[in-house]
Amino acid sequence: MFGFTLYRTDVMLKTDGFSFRQRLDMARKGLPWFFGRRGILTAKRSQYSDWFKKDFHPNQHPIIRQYDVWIDTLAKTNDPIAAGEAFWQAGL
């Protein structure tokens, strides 16, 4: 999955006019953000690895605390974009 994500990102950046060297530099600078000591994936490593355990079920993890905000806003507005905005604002 990670390889496919890198490939698609590369295709989009190439379409946007970035040179091979520029795309390579962006990937090189971005990898620590994702995999580094304080990277996004590193911070979620234990939660992410739980999904690969034989006896895993999603109910073993708590629901995101602002999930109800998203549900309520979506029910009121029928607008997923507005619900997403309300979700992120509630998390700040």
PDB file of N, CA and C in Angstrom:
ATOM      1  N   MET A   1       0.819  -1.183   0.000  1.00  0.00           N
ATOM      2  CA  MET A   1       0.000   0.000   0.000  1.00  0.00           C
ATOM      3  C   MET A   1       0.873   1.261   0.000  1.00  0.00           C
ATOM      4  N   PHE A   2       1.941   1.260   0.755  1.00  0.00           N
ATOM      5  CA  PHE A   2       2.798   2.438   0.825  1.00  0.00           C
ATOM      6  C   PHE A   2       3.441   2.723  -0.529  1.00  0.00           C
ATOM      7  N   GLY A   3       3.868   1.663  -1.205  1.00  0.00           N
ATOM      8  CA  GLY A   3       4.471   1.834  -2.526  1.00  0.00           C
ATOM      9  C   GLY A   3       3.491   2.435  -3.523  1.00  0.00           C
ATOM     10  N   PHE A   4       2.248   1.984  -3.472  1.00  0.00           N
ATOM     11  CA  PHE A   4       1.225   2.519  -4.368  1.00  0.00           C
ATOM     12  C   PHE A   4       0.974   3.996  -4.064  1.00  0.00           C
ATOM     13  N   THR A   5       0.944   4.339  -2.779  1.00  0.00           N
ATOM     14  CA  THR A   5       0.739   5.735  -2.384  1.00  0.00           C
ATOM     15  C   THR A   5       1.868   6.617  -2.902  1.00  0.00           C
ATOM     16  N   LEU A   6       3.099   6.147  -2.756  1.00  0.00           N
ATOM     17  CA  LEU A   6       4.237   6.907  -3.283  1.00  0.00           C
ATOM     18  C   LEU A   6       4.142   7.063  -4.801  1.00  0.00           C
ATOM     19  N   TYR A   7       3.748   6.001  -5.470  1.00  0.00           N
ATOM     20  CA  TYR A   7       3.628   6.036  -6.929  1.00  0.00           C
ATOM     21  C   TYR A   7       2.584   7.064  -7.367  1.00  0.00           C
ATOM     22  N   ARG A   8       1.402   7.019  -6.758  1.00  0.00           N
ATOM     23  CA  ARG A   8       0.330   7.945  -7.137  1.00  0.00           C
ATOM     24  C   ARG A   8       0.723   9.387  -6.834  1.00  0.00           C
ATOM     25  N   THR A   9       1.379   9.605  -5.701  1.00  0.00           N
ATOM     26  CA  THR A   9       1.851  10.945  -5.360  1.00  0.00           C
ATOM     27  C   THR A   9       2.838  11.430  -6.408  1.00  0.00           C
ATOM     28  N   ASP A  10       3.742  10.549  -6.804  1.00  0.00           N
ATOM     29  CA  ASP A  10       4.735  10.906  -7.822  1.00  0.00           C
ATOM     30  C   ASP A  10       4.064  11.279  -9.138  1.00  0.00           C
ATOM     31  N   VAL A  11       3.059  10.514  -9.536  1.00  0.00           N
ATOM     32  CA  VAL A  11       2.342  10.797 -10.785  1.00  0.00           C
ATOM     33  C   VAL A  11       1.665  12.169 -10.713  1.00  0.00           C
ATOM     34  N   MET A  12       1.015  12.467  -9.591  1.00  0.00           N
ATOM     35  CA  MET A  12       0.331  13.761  -9.467  1.00  0.00           C
ATOM     36  C   MET A  12       1.319  14.923  -9.464  1.00  0.00           C
ATOM     37  N   LEU A  13       2.433  14.763  -8.758  1.00  0.00           N
ATOM     38  CA  LEU A  13       3.436  15.829  -8.730  1.00  0.00           C
ATOM     39  C   LEU A  13       4.069  16.030 -10.107  1.00  0.00           C
ATOM     40  N   LYS A  14       4.265  14.927 -10.827  1.00  0.00           N
ATOM     41  CA  LYS A  14       4.811  15.025 -12.183  1.00  0.00           C
ATOM     42  C   LYS A  14       3.835  15.778 -13.086  1.00  0.00           C
ATOM     43  N   THR A  15       2.551  15.462 -12.947  1.00  0.00           N
ATOM     44  CA  THR A  15       1.520  16.154 -13.718  1.00  0.00           C
ATOM     45  C   THR A  15       1.483  17.643 -13.382  1.00  0.00           C
ATOM     46  N   ASP A  16       1.762  17.970 -12.134  1.00  0.00           N
ATOM     47  CA  ASP A  16       1.792  19.376 -11.707  1.00  0.00           C
ATOM     48  C   ASP A  16       3.044  20.106 -12.173  1.00  0.00           C
ATOM     49  N   GLY A  17       3.970  19.385 -12.808  1.00  0.00           N
ATOM     50  CA  GLY A  17       5.125  20.033 -13.399  1.00  0.00           C
ATOM     51  C   GLY A  17       6.412  19.970 -12.597  1.00  0.00           C
ATOM     52  N   PHE A  18       6.431  19.200 -11.523  1.00  0.00           N
ATOM     53  CA  PHE A  18       7.659  19.077 -10.740  1.00  0.00           C
ATOM     54  C   PHE A  18       8.631  18.139 -11.453  1.00  0.00           C
ATOM     55  N   SER A  19       9.901  18.491 -11.427  1.00  0.00           N
ATOM     56  CA  SER A  19      10.924  17.662 -12.066  1.00  0.00           C
ATOM     57  C   SER A  19      11.175  16.410 -11.227  1.00  0.00           C
ATOM     58  N   PHE A  20      11.876  15.458 -11.829  1.00  0.00           N
ATOM     59  CA  PHE A  20      12.220  14.234 -11.106  1.00  0.00           C
ATOM     60  C   PHE A  20      13.005  14.561  -9.841  1.00  0.00           C
ATOM     61  N   ARG A  21      13.960  15.459  -9.954  1.00  0.00           N
ATOM     62  CA  ARG A  21      14.795  15.859  -8.805  1.00  0.00           C
ATOM     63  C   ARG A  21      13.949  16.502  -7.700  1.00  0.00           C
ATOM     64  N   GLN A  22      13.025  17.365  -8.071  1.00  0.00           N
ATOM     65  CA  GLN A  22      12.156  18.010  -7.087  1.00  0.00           C
ATOM     66  C   GLN A  22      11.270  16.984  -6.388  1.00  0.00           C
ATOM     67  N   ARG A  23      10.727  16.044  -7.148  1.00  0.00           N
ATOM     68  CA  ARG A  23       9.871  15.011  -6.560  1.00  0.00           C
ATOM     69  C   ARG A  23      10.666  14.125  -5.619  1.00  0.00           C
ATOM     70  N   LEU A  24      11.890  13.797  -6.003  1.00  0.00           N
ATOM     71  CA  LEU A  24      12.759  12.982  -5.157  1.00  0.00           C
ATOM     72  C   LEU A  24      13.088  13.713  -3.857  1.00  0.00           C
ATOM     73  N   ASP A  25      13.378  15.005  -3.947  1.00  0.00           N
ATOM     74  CA  ASP A  25      13.665  15.803  -2.750  1.00  0.00           C
ATOM     75  C   ASP A  25      12.454  15.871  -1.824  1.00  0.00           C
ATOM     76  N   MET A  26      11.258  16.036  -2.404  1.00  0.00           N
ATOM     77  CA  MET A  26      10.044  16.075  -1.582  1.00  0.00           C
ATOM     78  C   MET A  26       9.834  14.753  -0.857  1.00  0.00           C
ATOM     79  N   ALA A  27      10.037  13.653  -1.551  1.00  0.00           N
ATOM     80  CA  ALA A  27       9.883  12.339  -0.926  1.00  0.00           C
ATOM     81  C   ALA A  27      10.912  12.150   0.180  1.00  0.00           C
ATOM     82  N   ARG A  28      12.142  12.546  -0.092  1.00  0.00           N
ATOM     83  CA  ARG A  28      13.215  12.395   0.902  1.00  0.00           C
ATOM     84  C   ARG A  28      12.928  13.225   2.154  1.00  0.00           C
ATOM     85  N   LYS A  29      12.427  14.432   1.975  1.00  0.00           N
ATOM     86  CA  LYS A  29      12.120  15.299   3.114  1.00  0.00           C
ATOM     87  C   LYS A  29      10.844  14.866   3.834  1.00  0.00           C
ATOM     88  N   GLY A  30       9.929  14.242   3.107  1.00  0.00           N
ATOM     89  CA  GLY A  30       8.655  13.847   3.692  1.00  0.00           C
ATOM     90  C   GLY A  30       8.688  12.544   4.467  1.00  0.00           C
ATOM     91  N   LEU A  31       9.619  11.658   4.132  1.00  0.00           N
ATOM     92  CA  LEU A  31       9.660  10.359   4.804  1.00  0.00           C
ATOM     93  C   LEU A  31       9.859  10.460   6.316  1.00  0.00           C
ATOM     94  N   PRO A  32      10.743  11.326   6.821  1.00  0.00           N
ATOM     95  CA  PRO A  32      10.861  11.443   8.277  1.00  0.00           C
ATOM     96  C   PRO A  32       9.565  11.924   8.936  1.00  0.00           C
ATOM     97  N   TRP A  33       8.807  12.751   8.236  1.00  0.00           N
ATOM     98  CA  TRP A  33       7.523  13.213   8.759  1.00  0.00           C
ATOM     99  C   TRP A  33       6.589  12.020   8.973  1.00  0.00           C
ATOM    100  N   PHE A  34       6.709  11.020   8.118  1.00  0.00           N
ATOM    101  CA  PHE A  34       5.840   9.850   8.195  1.00  0.00           C
ATOM    102  C   PHE A  34       6.425   8.748   9.070  1.00  0.00           C
ATOM    103  N   PHE A  35       7.710   8.423   8.865  1.00  0.00           N
ATOM    104  CA  PHE A  35       8.347   7.301   9.547  1.00  0.00           C
ATOM    105  C   PHE A  35       9.319   7.699  10.647  1.00  0.00           C
ATOM    106  N   GLY A  36       9.633   8.961  10.780  1.00  0.00           N
ATOM    107  CA  GLY A  36      10.659   9.411  11.724  1.00  0.00           C
ATOM    108  C   GLY A  36      10.329   9.114  13.175  1.00  0.00           C
ATOM    109  N   ARG A  37      11.249   9.476  14.055  1.00  0.00           N
ATOM    110  CA  ARG A  37      11.079   9.195  15.480  1.00  0.00           C
ATOM    111  C   ARG A  37       9.766   9.765  16.012  1.00  0.00           C
ATOM    112  N   ARG A  38       9.392  10.936  15.525  1.00  0.00           N
ATOM    113  CA  ARG A  38       8.120  11.530  15.931  1.00  0.00           C
ATOM    114  C   ARG A  38       7.169  11.623  14.740  1.00  0.00           C
ATOM    115  N   GLY A  39       7.280  10.683  13.827  1.00  0.00           N
ATOM    116  CA  GLY A  39       6.460  10.685  12.624  1.00  0.00           C
ATOM    117  C   GLY A  39       5.030  10.254  12.881  1.00  0.00           C
ATOM    118  N   ILE A  40       4.182  10.506  11.905  1.00  0.00           N
ATOM    119  CA  ILE A  40       2.764  10.184  11.997  1.00  0.00           C
ATOM    120  C   ILE A  40       2.557   8.685  12.218  1.00  0.00           C
ATOM    121  N   LEU A  41       3.165   7.858  11.398  1.00  0.00           N
ATOM    122  CA  LEU A  41       2.984   6.414  11.525  1.00  0.00           C
ATOM    123  C   LEU A  41       3.644   5.878  12.789  1.00  0.00           C
ATOM    124  N   THR A  42       4.783   6.425  13.153  1.00  0.00           N
ATOM    125  CA  THR A  42       5.481   5.980  14.355  1.00  0.00           C
ATOM    126  C   THR A  42       4.624   6.218  15.590  1.00  0.00           C
ATOM    127  N   ALA A  43       3.954   7.364  15.647  1.00  0.00           N
ATOM    128  CA  ALA A  43       3.109   7.691  16.794  1.00  0.00           C
ATOM    129  C   ALA A  43       1.919   6.741  16.902  1.00  0.00           C
ATOM    130  N   LYS A  44       1.458   6.218  15.789  1.00  0.00           N
ATOM    131  CA  LYS A  44       0.285   5.328  15.772  1.00  0.00           C
ATOM    132  C   LYS A  44       0.669   3.857  15.632  1.00  0.00           C
ATOM    133  N   ARG A  45       1.942   3.556  15.794  1.00  0.00           N
ATOM    134  CA  ARG A  45       2.443   2.205  15.543  1.00  0.00           C
ATOM    135  C   ARG A  45       1.660   1.129  16.297  1.00  0.00           C
ATOM    136  N   SER A  46       1.418   1.307  17.583  1.00  0.00           N
ATOM    137  CA  SER A  46       0.747   0.248  18.346  1.00  0.00           C
ATOM    138  C   SER A  46      -0.700   0.080  17.894  1.00  0.00           C
ATOM    139  N   GLN A  47      -1.404   1.188  17.642  1.00  0.00           N
ATOM    140  CA  GLN A  47      -2.780   1.080  17.163  1.00  0.00           C
ATOM    141  C   GLN A  47      -2.825   0.439  15.780  1.00  0.00           C
ATOM    142  N   TYR A  48      -1.914   0.841  14.913  1.00  0.00           N
ATOM    143  CA  TYR A  48      -1.877   0.312  13.553  1.00  0.00           C
ATOM    144  C   TYR A  48      -1.556  -1.181  13.553  1.00  0.00           C
ATOM    145  N   SER A  49      -0.603  -1.593  14.375  1.00  0.00           N
ATOM    146  CA  SER A  49      -0.213  -3.005  14.390  1.00  0.00           C
ATOM    147  C   SER A  49      -1.305  -3.891  14.985  1.00  0.00           C
ATOM    148  N   ASP A  50      -2.183  -3.324  15.812  1.00  0.00           N
ATOM    149  CA  ASP A  50      -3.296  -4.107  16.354  1.00  0.00           C
ATOM    150  C   ASP A  50      -4.174  -4.684  15.247  1.00  0.00           C
ATOM    151  N   TRP A  51      -4.332  -3.972  14.161  1.00  0.00           N
ATOM    152  CA  TRP A  51      -5.191  -4.421  13.066  1.00  0.00           C
ATOM    153  C   TRP A  51      -4.696  -5.719  12.432  1.00  0.00           C
ATOM    154  N   PHE A  52      -3.443  -6.061  12.631  1.00  0.00           N
ATOM    155  CA  PHE A  52      -2.875  -7.267  12.030  1.00  0.00           C
ATOM    156  C   PHE A  52      -2.866  -8.460  12.985  1.00  0.00           C
ATOM    157  N   LYS A  53      -3.368  -8.265  14.198  1.00  0.00           N
ATOM    158  CA  LYS A  53      -3.435  -9.372  15.152  1.00  0.00           C
ATOM    159  C   LYS A  53      -4.616 -10.276  14.798  1.00  0.00           C
ATOM    160  N   LYS A  54      -4.444 -11.558  15.043  1.00  0.00           N
ATOM    161  CA  LYS A  54      -5.452 -12.540  14.660  1.00  0.00           C
ATOM    162  C   LYS A  54      -6.797 -12.295  15.356  1.00  0.00           C
ATOM    163  N   ASP A  55      -6.765 -11.898  16.625  1.00  0.00           N
ATOM    164  CA  ASP A  55      -8.002 -11.735  17.388  1.00  0.00           C
ATOM    165  C   ASP A  55      -8.477 -10.277  17.462  1.00  0.00           C
ATOM    166  N   PHE A  56      -8.022  -9.431  16.547  1.00  0.00           N
ATOM    167  CA  PHE A  56      -8.369  -8.006  16.602  1.00  0.00           C
ATOM    168  C   PHE A  56      -9.807  -7.752  16.174  1.00  0.00           C
ATOM    169  N   HIS A  57     -10.439  -6.799  16.858  1.00  0.00           N
ATOM    170  CA  HIS A  57     -11.730  -6.260  16.451  1.00  0.00           C
ATOM    171  C   HIS A  57     -11.693  -4.753  16.674  1.00  0.00           C
ATOM    172  N   PRO A  58     -12.224  -3.954  15.750  1.00  0.00           N
ATOM    173  CA  PRO A  58     -12.169  -2.494  15.900  1.00  0.00           C
ATOM    174  C   PRO A  58     -12.779  -1.977  17.199  1.00  0.00           C
ATOM    175  N   ASN A  59     -13.716  -2.711  17.779  1.00  0.00           N
ATOM    176  CA  ASN A  59     -14.326  -2.277  19.040  1.00  0.00           C
ATOM    177  C   ASN A  59     -13.336  -2.265  20.197  1.00  0.00           C
ATOM    178  N   GLN A  60     -12.158  -2.832  20.004  1.00  0.00           N
ATOM    179  CA  GLN A  60     -11.144  -2.820  21.060  1.00  0.00           C
ATOM    180  C   GLN A  60     -10.502  -1.449  21.206  1.00  0.00           C
ATOM    181  N   HIS A  61     -10.729  -0.568  20.252  1.00  0.00           N
ATOM    182  CA  HIS A  61     -10.198   0.795  20.315  1.00  0.00           C
ATOM    183  C   HIS A  61     -11.345   1.759  20.591  1.00  0.00           C
ATOM    184  N   PRO A  62     -11.095   2.793  21.375  1.00  0.00           N
ATOM    185  CA  PRO A  62     -12.166   3.753  21.667  1.00  0.00           C
ATOM    186  C   PRO A  62     -12.555   4.554  20.423  1.00  0.00           C
ATOM    187  N   ILE A  63     -13.799   4.994  20.413  1.00  0.00           N
ATOM    188  CA  ILE A  63     -14.289   5.838  19.328  1.00  0.00           C
ATOM    189  C   ILE A  63     -13.686   7.230  19.504  1.00  0.00           C
ATOM    190  N   ILE A  64     -13.369   7.886  18.421  1.00  0.00           N
ATOM    191  CA  ILE A  64     -12.830   9.247  18.468  1.00  0.00           C
ATOM    192  C   ILE A  64     -13.827  10.129  19.206  1.00  0.00           C
ATOM    193  N   ARG A  65     -13.339  10.914  20.148  1.00  0.00           N
ATOM    194  CA  ARG A  65     -14.241  11.646  21.041  1.00  0.00           C
ATOM    195  C   ARG A  65     -15.158  12.632  20.326  1.00  0.00           C
ATOM    196  N   GLN A  66     -14.757  13.206  19.219  1.00  0.00           N
ATOM    197  CA  GLN A  66     -15.622  14.159  18.530  1.00  0.00           C
ATOM    198  C   GLN A  66     -16.462  13.506  17.431  1.00  0.00           C
ATOM    199  N   TYR A  67     -16.533  12.196  17.425  1.00  0.00           N
ATOM    200  CA  TYR A  67     -17.310  11.478  16.413  1.00  0.00           C
ATOM    201  C   TYR A  67     -18.779  11.888  16.445  1.00  0.00           C
ATOM    202  N   ASP A  68     -19.324  12.072  17.659  1.00  0.00           N
ATOM    203  CA  ASP A  68     -20.731  12.479  17.787  1.00  0.00           C
ATOM    204  C   ASP A  68     -20.984  13.835  17.133  1.00  0.00           C
ATOM    205  N   VAL A  69     -20.005  14.720  17.181  1.00  0.00           N
ATOM    206  CA  VAL A  69     -20.143  16.025  16.523  1.00  0.00           C
ATOM    207  C   VAL A  69     -20.328  15.821  15.025  1.00  0.00           C
ATOM    208  N   TRP A  70     -19.545  14.925  14.443  1.00  0.00           N
ATOM    209  CA  TRP A  70     -19.650  14.649  13.015  1.00  0.00           C
ATOM    210  C   TRP A  70     -21.026  14.074  12.678  1.00  0.00           C
ATOM    211  N   ILE A  71     -21.473  13.093  13.465  1.00  0.00           N
ATOM    212  CA  ILE A  71     -22.780  12.457  13.234  1.00  0.00           C
ATOM    213  C   ILE A  71     -23.902  13.487  13.330  1.00  0.00           C
ATOM    214  N   ASP A  72     -23.895  14.303  14.402  1.00  0.00           N
ATOM    215  CA  ASP A  72     -24.956  15.299  14.606  1.00  0.00           C
ATOM    216  C   ASP A  72     -24.969  16.347  13.495  1.00  0.00           C
ATOM    217  N   THR A  73     -23.798  16.836  13.116  1.00  0.00           N
ATOM    218  CA  THR A  73     -23.725  17.853  12.063  1.00  0.00           C
ATOM    219  C   THR A  73     -24.178  17.283  10.725  1.00  0.00           C
ATOM    220  N   LEU A  74     -23.790  16.058  10.436  1.00  0.00           N
ATOM    221  CA  LEU A  74     -24.225  15.423   9.191  1.00  0.00           C
ATOM    222  C   LEU A  74     -25.741  15.248   9.175  1.00  0.00           C
ATOM    223  N   ALA A  75     -26.326  14.852  10.307  1.00  0.00           N
ATOM    224  CA  ALA A  75     -27.778  14.678  10.387  1.00  0.00           C
ATOM    225  C   ALA A  75     -28.509  16.013  10.196  1.00  0.00           C
ATOM    226  N   LYS A  76     -27.955  17.091  10.748  1.00  0.00           N
ATOM    227  CA  LYS A  76     -28.600  18.410  10.649  1.00  0.00           C
ATOM    228  C   LYS A  76     -28.458  19.015   9.260  1.00  0.00           C
ATOM    229  N   THR A  77     -27.279  18.908   8.675  1.00  0.00           N
ATOM    230  CA  THR A  77     -26.996  19.624   7.426  1.00  0.00           C
ATOM    231  C   THR A  77     -27.048  18.751   6.178  1.00  0.00           C
ATOM    232  N   ASN A  78     -26.897  17.450   6.348  1.00  0.00           N
ATOM    233  CA  ASN A  78     -26.776  16.510   5.228  1.00  0.00           C
ATOM    234  C   ASN A  78     -25.604  16.894   4.320  1.00  0.00           C
ATOM    235  N   ASP A  79     -24.591  17.526   4.926  1.00  0.00           N
ATOM    236  CA  ASP A  79     -23.417  17.996   4.190  1.00  0.00           C
ATOM    237  C   ASP A  79     -22.165  17.388   4.815  1.00  0.00           C
ATOM    238  N   PRO A  80     -21.537  16.416   4.145  1.00  0.00           N
ATOM    239  CA  PRO A  80     -20.358  15.772   4.734  1.00  0.00           C
ATOM    240  C   PRO A  80     -19.172  16.723   4.904  1.00  0.00           C
ATOM    241  N   ILE A  81     -19.083  17.742   4.056  1.00  0.00           N
ATOM    242  CA  ILE A  81     -17.988  18.707   4.185  1.00  0.00           C
ATOM    243  C   ILE A  81     -18.169  19.526   5.462  1.00  0.00           C
ATOM    244  N   ALA A  82     -19.379  20.016   5.698  1.00  0.00           N
ATOM    245  CA  ALA A  82     -19.658  20.773   6.923  1.00  0.00           C
ATOM    246  C   ALA A  82     -19.454  19.890   8.150  1.00  0.00           C
ATOM    247  N   ALA A  83     -19.858  18.627   8.053  1.00  0.00           N
ATOM    248  CA  ALA A  83     -19.665  17.703   9.173  1.00  0.00           C
ATOM    249  C   ALA A  83     -18.183  17.489   9.446  1.00  0.00           C
ATOM    250  N   GLY A  84     -17.395  17.368   8.387  1.00  0.00           N
ATOM    251  CA  GLY A  84     -15.950  17.218   8.557  1.00  0.00           C
ATOM    252  C   GLY A  84     -15.316  18.443   9.185  1.00  0.00           C
ATOM    253  N   GLU A  85     -15.748  19.627   8.760  1.00  0.00           N
ATOM    254  CA  GLU A  85     -15.228  20.867   9.348  1.00  0.00           C
ATOM    255  C   GLU A  85     -15.578  20.948  10.830  1.00  0.00           C
ATOM    256  N   ALA A  86     -16.815  20.606  11.177  1.00  0.00           N
ATOM    257  CA  ALA A  86     -17.230  20.626  12.585  1.00  0.00           C
ATOM    258  C   ALA A  86     -16.431  19.610  13.393  1.00  0.00           C
ATOM    259  N   PHE A  87     -16.180  18.453  12.802  1.00  0.00           N
ATOM    260  CA  PHE A  87     -15.383  17.410  13.452  1.00  0.00           C
ATOM    261  C   PHE A  87     -13.999  17.931  13.806  1.00  0.00           C
ATOM    262  N   TRP A  88     -13.325  18.570  12.836  1.00  0.00           N
ATOM    263  CA  TRP A  88     -11.967  19.063  13.078  1.00  0.00           C
ATOM    264  C   TRP A  88     -11.959  20.226  14.055  1.00  0.00           C
ATOM    265  N   GLN A  89     -12.953  21.097  13.987  1.00  0.00           N
ATOM    266  CA  GLN A  89     -13.012  22.212  14.933  1.00  0.00           C
ATOM    267  C   GLN A  89     -13.231  21.715  16.356  1.00  0.00           C
ATOM    268  N   ALA A  90     -14.023  20.661  16.521  1.00  0.00           N
ATOM    269  CA  ALA A  90     -14.269  20.104  17.856  1.00  0.00           C
ATOM    270  C   ALA A  90     -13.016  19.466  18.432  1.00  0.00           C
ATOM    271  N   GLY A  91     -12.115  19.038  17.574  1.00  0.00           N
ATOM    272  CA  GLY A  91     -10.889  18.386  18.035  1.00  0.00           C
ATOM    273  C   GLY A  91      -9.786  19.348  18.413  1.00  0.00           C
ATOM    274  N   LEU A  92      -9.942  20.619  18.090  1.00  0.00           N
ATOM    275  CA  LEU A  92      -8.891  21.603  18.384  1.00  0.00           C
ATOM    276  C   LEU A  92      -8.889  22.019  19.836  1.00  0.00           C
TER     277      LEU A  92
END
